[in-house]
PDB file of N, CA and C in Angstrom:
ATOM      1  N   MET A   1      82.674  82.238 114.278  1.00  0.00           N
ATOM      2  CA  MET A   1      83.719  83.063 113.704  1.00  0.00           C
ATOM      3  C   MET A   1      84.806  82.148 113.153  1.00  0.00           C
ATOM      4  N   GLU A   2      85.245  82.449 111.955  1.00  0.00           N
ATOM      5  CA  GLU A   2      86.316  81.682 111.335  1.00  0.00           C
ATOM      6  C   GLU A   2      87.520  82.593 111.120  1.00  0.00           C
ATOM      7  N   ILE A   3      88.653  82.189 111.677  1.00  0.00           N
ATOM      8  CA  ILE A   3      89.898  82.939 111.518  1.00  0.00           C
ATOM      9  C   ILE A   3      90.908  82.014 110.845  1.00  0.00           C
ATOM     10  N   ILE A   4      91.494  82.505 109.767  1.00  0.00           N
ATOM     11  CA  ILE A   4      92.514  81.751 109.036  1.00  0.00           C
ATOM     12  C   ILE A   4      93.748  82.627 108.918  1.00  0.00           C
ATOM     13  N   ILE A   5      94.892  82.030 109.186  1.00  0.00           N
ATOM     14  CA  ILE A   5      96.168  82.728 108.996  1.00  0.00           C
ATOM     15  C   ILE A   5      96.974  81.952 107.964  1.00  0.00           C
ATOM     16  N   TYR A   6      97.353  82.640 106.896  1.00  0.00           N
ATOM     17  CA  TYR A   6      98.313  82.093 105.947  1.00  0.00           C
ATOM     18  C   TYR A   6      99.660  82.662 106.359  1.00  0.00           C
ATOM     19  N   GLY A   7     100.629  81.799 106.555  1.00  0.00           N
ATOM     20  CA  GLY A   7     101.926  82.303 106.980  1.00  0.00           C
ATOM     21  C   GLY A   7     103.042  81.350 106.651  1.00  0.00           C
ATOM     22  N   LYS A   8     104.172  81.618 107.282  1.00  0.00           N
ATOM     23  CA  LYS A   8     105.360  80.807 107.057  1.00  0.00           C
ATOM     24  C   LYS A   8     106.090  80.651 108.383  1.00  0.00           C
ATOM     25  N   LYS A   9     106.585  79.464 108.615  1.00  0.00           N
ATOM     26  CA  LYS A   9     107.310  79.173 109.845  1.00  0.00           C
ATOM     27  C   LYS A   9     108.460  80.159 110.025  1.00  0.00           C
ATOM     28  N   GLY A  10     108.543  80.732 111.219  1.00  0.00           N
ATOM     29  CA  GLY A  10     109.634  81.641 111.535  1.00  0.00           C
ATOM     30  C   GLY A  10     109.352  83.103 111.230  1.00  0.00           C
ATOM     31  N   ASP A  11     108.290  83.396 110.477  1.00  0.00           N
ATOM     32  CA  ASP A  11     107.944  84.786 110.191  1.00  0.00           C
ATOM     33  C   ASP A  11     107.425  85.435 111.473  1.00  0.00           C
ATOM     34  N   ALA A  12     108.000  86.568 111.851  1.00  0.00           N
ATOM     35  CA  ALA A  12     107.697  87.210 113.131  1.00  0.00           C
ATOM     36  C   ALA A  12     106.209  87.512 113.308  1.00  0.00           C
ATOM     37  N   HIS A  13     105.572  88.079 112.294  1.00  0.00           N
ATOM     38  CA  HIS A  13     104.152  88.405 112.419  1.00  0.00           C
ATOM     39  C   HIS A  13     103.300  87.140 112.507  1.00  0.00           C
ATOM     40  N   THR A  14     103.612  86.161 111.686  1.00  0.00           N
ATOM     41  CA  THR A  14     102.868  84.900 111.725  1.00  0.00           C
ATOM     42  C   THR A  14     102.943  84.290 113.118  1.00  0.00           C
ATOM     43  N   VAL A  15     104.131  84.218 113.674  1.00  0.00           N
ATOM     44  CA  VAL A  15     104.329  83.637 115.010  1.00  0.00           C
ATOM     45  C   VAL A  15     103.564  84.443 116.061  1.00  0.00           C
ATOM     46  N   ALA A  16     103.653  85.757 115.990  1.00  0.00           N
ATOM     47  CA  ALA A  16     102.976  86.618 116.977  1.00  0.00           C
ATOM     48  C   ALA A  16     101.460  86.456 116.903  1.00  0.00           C
ATOM     49  N   PHE A  17     100.920  86.420 115.693  1.00  0.00           N
ATOM     50  CA  PHE A  17      99.470  86.284 115.540  1.00  0.00           C
ATOM     51  C   PHE A  17      98.992  84.936 116.064  1.00  0.00           C
ATOM     52  N   LYS A  18      99.719  83.875 115.721  1.00  0.00           N
ATOM     53  CA  LYS A  18      99.350  82.535 116.208  1.00  0.00           C
ATOM     54  C   LYS A  18      99.437  82.472 117.734  1.00  0.00           C
ATOM     55  N   ASN A  19     100.482  83.041 118.306  1.00  0.00           N
ATOM     56  CA  ASN A  19     100.641  83.029 119.767  1.00  0.00           C
ATOM     57  C   ASN A  19      99.511  83.784 120.456  1.00  0.00           C
ATOM     58  N   PHE A  20      99.125  84.931 119.917  1.00  0.00           N
ATOM     59  CA  PHE A  20      98.025  85.700 120.488  1.00  0.00           C
ATOM     60  C   PHE A  20      96.760  84.855 120.528  1.00  0.00           C
ATOM     61  N   LEU A  21      96.432  84.244 119.402  1.00  0.00           N
ATOM     62  CA  LEU A  21      95.196  83.464 119.314  1.00  0.00           C
ATOM     63  C   LEU A  21      95.236  82.240 120.229  1.00  0.00           C
ATOM     64  N   ARG A  22      96.385  81.592 120.307  1.00  0.00           N
ATOM     65  CA  ARG A  22      96.513  80.435 121.211  1.00  0.00           C
ATOM     66  C   ARG A  22      96.358  80.848 122.668  1.00  0.00           C
ATOM     67  N   MET A  23      97.019  81.939 123.056  1.00  0.00           N
ATOM     68  CA  MET A  23      96.939  82.412 124.446  1.00  0.00           C
ATOM     69  C   MET A  23      95.512  82.814 124.812  1.00  0.00           C
ATOM     70  N   ALA A  24      94.773  83.347 123.847  1.00  0.00           N
ATOM     71  CA  ALA A  24      93.395  83.762 124.083  1.00  0.00           C
ATOM     72  C   ALA A  24      92.416  82.592 123.923  1.00  0.00           C
ATOM     73  N   GLU A  25      92.963  81.426 123.585  1.00  0.00           N
ATOM     74  CA  GLU A  25      92.157  80.218 123.370  1.00  0.00           C
ATOM     75  C   GLU A  25      91.079  80.445 122.316  1.00  0.00           C
ATOM     76  N   ILE A  26      91.494  81.079 121.228  1.00  0.00           N
ATOM     77  CA  ILE A  26      90.606  81.359 120.103  1.00  0.00           C
ATOM     78  C   ILE A  26      90.943  80.366 118.991  1.00  0.00           C
ATOM     79  N   ASP A  27      89.922  79.662 118.524  1.00  0.00           N
ATOM     80  CA  ASP A  27      90.130  78.703 117.442  1.00  0.00           C
ATOM     81  C   ASP A  27      90.506  79.431 116.158  1.00  0.00           C
ATOM     82  N   PHE A  28      91.476  78.875 115.449  1.00  0.00           N
ATOM     83  CA  PHE A  28      91.870  79.428 114.163  1.00  0.00           C
ATOM     84  C   PHE A  28      92.484  78.324 113.330  1.00  0.00           C
ATOM     85  N   THR A  29      92.579  78.573 112.046  1.00  0.00           N
ATOM     86  CA  THR A  29      93.220  77.648 111.128  1.00  0.00           C
ATOM     87  C   THR A  29      94.495  78.297 110.634  1.00  0.00           C
ATOM     88  N   TYR A  30      95.582  77.541 110.688  1.00  0.00           N
ATOM     89  CA  TYR A  30      96.871  78.038 110.195  1.00  0.00           C
ATOM     90  C   TYR A  30      97.231  77.263 108.941  1.00  0.00           C
ATOM     91  N   LYS A  31      97.593  77.979 107.907  1.00  0.00           N
ATOM     92  CA  LYS A  31      98.017  77.348 106.665  1.00  0.00           C
ATOM     93  C   LYS A  31      99.432  77.789 106.348  1.00  0.00           C
ATOM     94  N   ASN A  32     100.348  76.830 106.380  1.00  0.00           N
ATOM     95  CA  ASN A  32     101.757  77.083 106.122  1.00  0.00           C
ATOM     96  C   ASN A  32     101.977  77.128 104.612  1.00  0.00           C
ATOM     97  N   LEU A  33     102.365  78.269 104.106  1.00  0.00           N
ATOM     98  CA  LEU A  33     102.526  78.443 102.663  1.00  0.00           C
ATOM     99  C   LEU A  33     103.669  77.612 102.087  1.00  0.00           C
ATOM    100  N   ALA A  34     104.566  77.153 102.923  1.00  0.00           N
ATOM    101  CA  ALA A  34     105.653  76.308 102.446  1.00  0.00           C
ATOM    102  C   ALA A  34     105.180  74.865 102.237  1.00  0.00           C
ATOM    103  N   GLU A  35     104.043  74.513 102.818  1.00  0.00           N
ATOM    104  CA  GLU A  35     103.561  73.127 102.756  1.00  0.00           C
ATOM    105  C   GLU A  35     102.205  72.966 102.090  1.00  0.00           C
ATOM    106  N   ASP A  36     101.389  74.004 102.079  1.00  0.00           N
ATOM    107  CA  ASP A  36     100.019  73.913 101.587  1.00  0.00           C
ATOM    108  C   ASP A  36      99.908  74.584 100.215  1.00  0.00           C
ATOM    109  N   GLU A  37      99.892  73.758  99.169  1.00  0.00           N
ATOM    110  CA  GLU A  37      99.877  74.294  97.800  1.00  0.00           C
ATOM    111  C   GLU A  37      98.583  75.046  97.478  1.00  0.00           C
ATOM    112  N   ASP A  38      97.450  74.608  98.032  1.00  0.00           N
ATOM    113  CA  ASP A  38      96.190  75.314  97.799  1.00  0.00           C
ATOM    114  C   ASP A  38      96.233  76.715  98.409  1.00  0.00           C
ATOM    115  N   ALA A  39      96.776  76.802  99.627  1.00  0.00           N
ATOM    116  CA  ALA A  39      96.899  78.106 100.288  1.00  0.00           C
ATOM    117  C   ALA A  39      97.863  79.005  99.509  1.00  0.00           C
ATOM    118  N   LYS A  40      98.938  78.417  99.030  1.00  0.00           N
ATOM    119  CA  LYS A  40      99.911  79.192  98.245  1.00  0.00           C
ATOM    120  C   LYS A  40      99.256  79.730  96.970  1.00  0.00           C
ATOM    121  N   ALA A  41      98.464  78.912  96.295  1.00  0.00           N
ATOM    122  CA  ALA A  41      97.780  79.336  95.077  1.00  0.00           C
ATOM    123  C   ALA A  41      96.776  80.448  95.393  1.00  0.00           C
ATOM    124  N   HIS A  42      96.058  80.314  96.501  1.00  0.00           N
ATOM    125  CA  HIS A  42      95.101  81.349  96.892  1.00  0.00           C
ATOM    126  C   HIS A  42      95.832  82.663  97.184  1.00  0.00           C
ATOM    127  N   THR A  43      96.963  82.569  97.870  1.00  0.00           N
ATOM    128  CA  THR A  43      97.755  83.760  98.176  1.00  0.00           C
ATOM    129  C   THR A  43      98.208  84.458  96.898  1.00  0.00           C
ATOM    130  N   LYS A  44      98.628  83.669  95.920  1.00  0.00           N
ATOM    131  CA  LYS A  44      99.063  84.265  94.647  1.00  0.00           C
ATOM    132  C   LYS A  44      97.930  85.038  93.974  1.00  0.00           C
ATOM    133  N   LYS A  45      96.702  84.538  94.109  1.00  0.00           N
ATOM    134  CA  LYS A  45      95.555  85.255  93.541  1.00  0.00           C
ATOM    135  C   LYS A  45      95.325  86.571  94.291  1.00  0.00           C
ATOM    136  N   LEU A  46      95.482  86.531  95.606  1.00  0.00           N
ATOM    137  CA  LEU A  46      95.252  87.732  96.419  1.00  0.00           C
ATOM    138  C   LEU A  46      96.291  88.817  96.161  1.00  0.00           C
ATOM    139  N   TYR A  47      97.540  88.395  95.877  1.00  0.00           N
ATOM    140  CA  TYR A  47      98.659  89.340  95.735  1.00  0.00           C
ATOM    141  C   TYR A  47      99.171  89.439  94.300  1.00  0.00           C
ATOM    142  N   ASP A  48      98.290  89.270  93.338  1.00  0.00           N
ATOM    143  CA  ASP A  48      98.653  89.417  91.921  1.00  0.00           C
ATOM    144  C   ASP A  48      99.881  88.594  91.524  1.00  0.00           C
ATOM    145  N   GLY A  49      99.896  87.330  91.915  1.00  0.00           N
ATOM    146  CA  GLY A  49     100.962  86.417  91.505  1.00  0.00           C
ATOM    147  C   GLY A  49     102.096  86.252  92.494  1.00  0.00           C
ATOM    148  N   ALA A  50     102.134  87.074  93.521  1.00  0.00           N
ATOM    149  CA  ALA A  50     103.211  86.986  94.517  1.00  0.00           C
ATOM    150  C   ALA A  50     102.761  86.152  95.714  1.00  0.00           C
ATOM    151  N   VAL A  51     103.733  85.577  96.395  1.00  0.00           N
ATOM    152  CA  VAL A  51     103.454  84.872  97.650  1.00  0.00           C
ATOM    153  C   VAL A  51     103.917  85.795  98.773  1.00  0.00           C
ATOM    154  N   LYS A  52     102.953  86.309  99.526  1.00  0.00           N
ATOM    155  CA  LYS A  52     103.269  87.208 100.644  1.00  0.00           C
ATOM    156  C   LYS A  52     102.596  86.674 101.894  1.00  0.00           C
ATOM    157  N   TYR A  53     103.128  87.046 103.014  1.00  0.00           N
ATOM    158  CA  TYR A  53     102.571  86.580 104.284  1.00  0.00           C
ATOM    159  C   TYR A  53     102.955  87.548 105.382  1.00  0.00           C
ATOM    160  N   PRO A  54     102.217  87.537 106.458  1.00  0.00           N
ATOM    161  CA  PRO A  54     101.030  86.726 106.676  1.00  0.00           C
ATOM    162  C   PRO A  54      99.829  87.340 105.973  1.00  0.00           C
ATOM    163  N   THR A  55      98.791  86.536 105.861  1.00  0.00           N
ATOM    164  CA  THR A  55      97.484  86.999 105.411  1.00  0.00           C
ATOM    165  C   THR A  55      96.505  86.565 106.486  1.00  0.00           C
ATOM    166  N   LEU A  56      95.661  87.470 106.896  1.00  0.00           N
ATOM    167  CA  LEU A  56      94.663  87.192 107.927  1.00  0.00           C
ATOM    168  C   LEU A  56      93.282  87.250 107.281  1.00  0.00           C
ATOM    169  N   ILE A  57      92.505  86.188 107.477  1.00  0.00           N
ATOM    170  CA  ILE A  57      91.141  86.148 106.949  1.00  0.00           C
ATOM    171  C   ILE A  57      90.208  85.899 108.122  1.00  0.00           C
ATOM    172  N   VAL A  58      89.289  86.825 108.329  1.00  0.00           N
ATOM    173  CA  VAL A  58      88.326  86.716 109.431  1.00  0.00           C
ATOM    174  C   VAL A  58      86.925  86.748 108.836  1.00  0.00           C
ATOM    175  N   ASP A  59      86.231  85.636 108.965  1.00  0.00           N
ATOM    176  CA  ASP A  59      84.876  85.516 108.413  1.00  0.00           C
ATOM    177  C   ASP A  59      84.809  86.002 106.969  1.00  0.00           C
ATOM    178  N   GLY A  60      85.800  85.610 106.183  1.00  0.00           N
ATOM    179  CA  GLY A  60      85.826  85.944 104.766  1.00  0.00           C
ATOM    180  C   GLY A  60      86.436  87.291 104.424  1.00  0.00           C
ATOM    181  N   GLU A  61      86.652  88.139 105.421  1.00  0.00           N
ATOM    182  CA  GLU A  61      87.277  89.450 105.178  1.00  0.00           C
ATOM    183  C   GLU A  61      88.794  89.278 105.189  1.00  0.00           C
ATOM    184  N   VAL A  62      89.419  89.649 104.082  1.00  0.00           N
ATOM    185  CA  VAL A  62      90.855  89.434 103.901  1.00  0.00           C
ATOM    186  C   VAL A  62      91.629  90.677 104.306  1.00  0.00           C
ATOM    187  N   HIS A  63      92.664  90.461 105.117  1.00  0.00           N
ATOM    188  CA  HIS A  63      93.584  91.530 105.526  1.00  0.00           C
ATOM    189  C   HIS A  63      94.952  91.151 104.955  1.00  0.00           C
ATOM    190  N   LEU A  64      95.370  91.880 103.921  1.00  0.00           N
ATOM    191  CA  LEU A  64      96.623  91.573 103.233  1.00  0.00           C
ATOM    192  C   LEU A  64      97.816  92.092 104.019  1.00  0.00           C
ATOM    193  N   THR A  65      98.793  91.249 104.203  1.00  0.00           N
ATOM    194  CA  THR A  65     100.020  91.526 104.963  1.00  0.00           C
ATOM    195  C   THR A  65      99.772  92.487 106.129  1.00  0.00           C
ATOM    196  N   PRO A  66      98.935  92.057 107.070  1.00  0.00           N
ATOM    197  CA  PRO A  66      98.629  92.942 108.197  1.00  0.00           C
ATOM    198  C   PRO A  66      99.840  93.162 109.098  1.00  0.00           C
ATOM    199  N   THR A  67      99.950  94.388 109.578  1.00  0.00           N
ATOM    200  CA  THR A  67     100.967  94.711 110.569  1.00  0.00           C
ATOM    201  C   THR A  67     100.424  94.312 111.938  1.00  0.00           C
ATOM    202  N   SER A  68     101.223  94.431 112.956  1.00  0.00           N
ATOM    203  CA  SER A  68     100.754  94.159 114.322  1.00  0.00           C
ATOM    204  C   SER A  68      99.630  95.121 114.686  1.00  0.00           C
ATOM    205  N   ASP A  69      99.742  96.376 114.265  1.00  0.00           N
ATOM    206  CA  ASP A  69      98.696  97.363 114.549  1.00  0.00           C
ATOM    207  C   ASP A  69      97.369  96.960 113.900  1.00  0.00           C
ATOM    208  N   THR A  70      97.434  96.511 112.655  1.00  0.00           N
ATOM    209  CA  THR A  70      96.218  96.075 111.959  1.00  0.00           C
ATOM    210  C   THR A  70      95.617  94.866 112.663  1.00  0.00           C
ATOM    211  N   PHE A  71      96.461  93.900 113.006  1.00  0.00           N
ATOM    212  CA  PHE A  71      95.990  92.698 113.694  1.00  0.00           C
ATOM    213  C   PHE A  71      95.320  93.076 115.012  1.00  0.00           C
ATOM    214  N   ASN A  72      95.969  93.927 115.786  1.00  0.00           N
ATOM    215  CA  ASN A  72      95.401  94.344 117.080  1.00  0.00           C
ATOM    216  C   ASN A  72      94.070  95.070 116.894  1.00  0.00           C
ATOM    217  N   LYS A  73      93.971  95.887 115.862  1.00  0.00           N
ATOM    218  CA  LYS A  73      92.729  96.607 115.583  1.00  0.00           C
ATOM    219  C   LYS A  73      91.608  95.622 115.253  1.00  0.00           C
ATOM    220  N   VAL A  74      91.900  94.626 114.424  1.00  0.00           N
ATOM    221  CA  VAL A  74      90.893  93.616 114.063  1.00  0.00           C
ATOM    222  C   VAL A  74      90.458  92.842 115.302  1.00  0.00           C
ATOM    223  N   MET A  75      91.411  92.447 116.135  1.00  0.00           N
ATOM    224  CA  MET A  75      91.076  91.697 117.347  1.00  0.00           C
ATOM    225  C   MET A  75      90.224  92.547 118.294  1.00  0.00           C
ATOM    226  N   LYS A  76      90.557  93.839 118.384  1.00  0.00           N
ATOM    227  CA  LYS A  76      89.790  94.739 119.247  1.00  0.00           C
ATOM    228  C   LYS A  76      88.357  94.890 118.730  1.00  0.00           C
ATOM    229  N   GLU A  77      88.220  95.028 117.409  1.00  0.00           N
ATOM    230  CA  GLU A  77      86.892  95.151 116.813  1.00  0.00           C
ATOM    231  C   GLU A  77      86.056  93.893 117.070  1.00  0.00           C
ATOM    232  N   LEU A  78      86.731  92.743 117.141  1.00  0.00           N
ATOM    233  CA  LEU A  78      86.038  91.480 117.409  1.00  0.00           C
ATOM    234  C   LEU A  78      85.845  91.240 118.902  1.00  0.00           C
ATOM    235  N   LYS A  79      86.368  92.188 119.689  1.00  0.00           N
ATOM    236  CA  LYS A  79      86.321  92.085 121.156  1.00  0.00           C
ATOM    237  C   LYS A  79      87.048  90.841 121.676  1.00  0.00           C
ATOM    238  N   LEU A  80      88.189  90.557 121.035  1.00  0.00           N
ATOM    239  CA  LEU A  80      89.022  89.426 121.448  1.00  0.00           C
ATOM    240  C   LEU A  80      90.259  89.958 122.148  1.00  0.00           C
ATOM    241  N   ARG A  81      90.610  89.319 123.245  1.00  0.00           N
ATOM    242  CA  ARG A  81      91.795  89.743 124.001  1.00  0.00           C
ATOM    243  C   ARG A  81      92.698  88.548 124.239  1.00  0.00           C
ATOM    244  N   GLY A  82      94.005  88.795 124.156  1.00  0.00           N
ATOM    245  CA  GLY A  82      94.971  87.741 124.382  1.00  0.00           C
ATOM    246  C   GLY A  82      95.388  87.647 125.805  1.00  0.00           C
TER     247      GLY A  82
END
């Protein structure tokens, strides 16, 4: 399973999602949009030219600006617990 989070330092959802995955000891890749130009360019393609965050990608399935409810639903579907 591959989990990628595009986010920004200090963003509440980004921090919460990263903390959940760390506490559950689930491997994931974090891409900081303030530092990673490739991730920023990919985000612009996903959001029609805008930079928005967080973005959650699980095994290639993209979840655009997921809320905590969306994130929890995805984790539950994957049978992952924090």
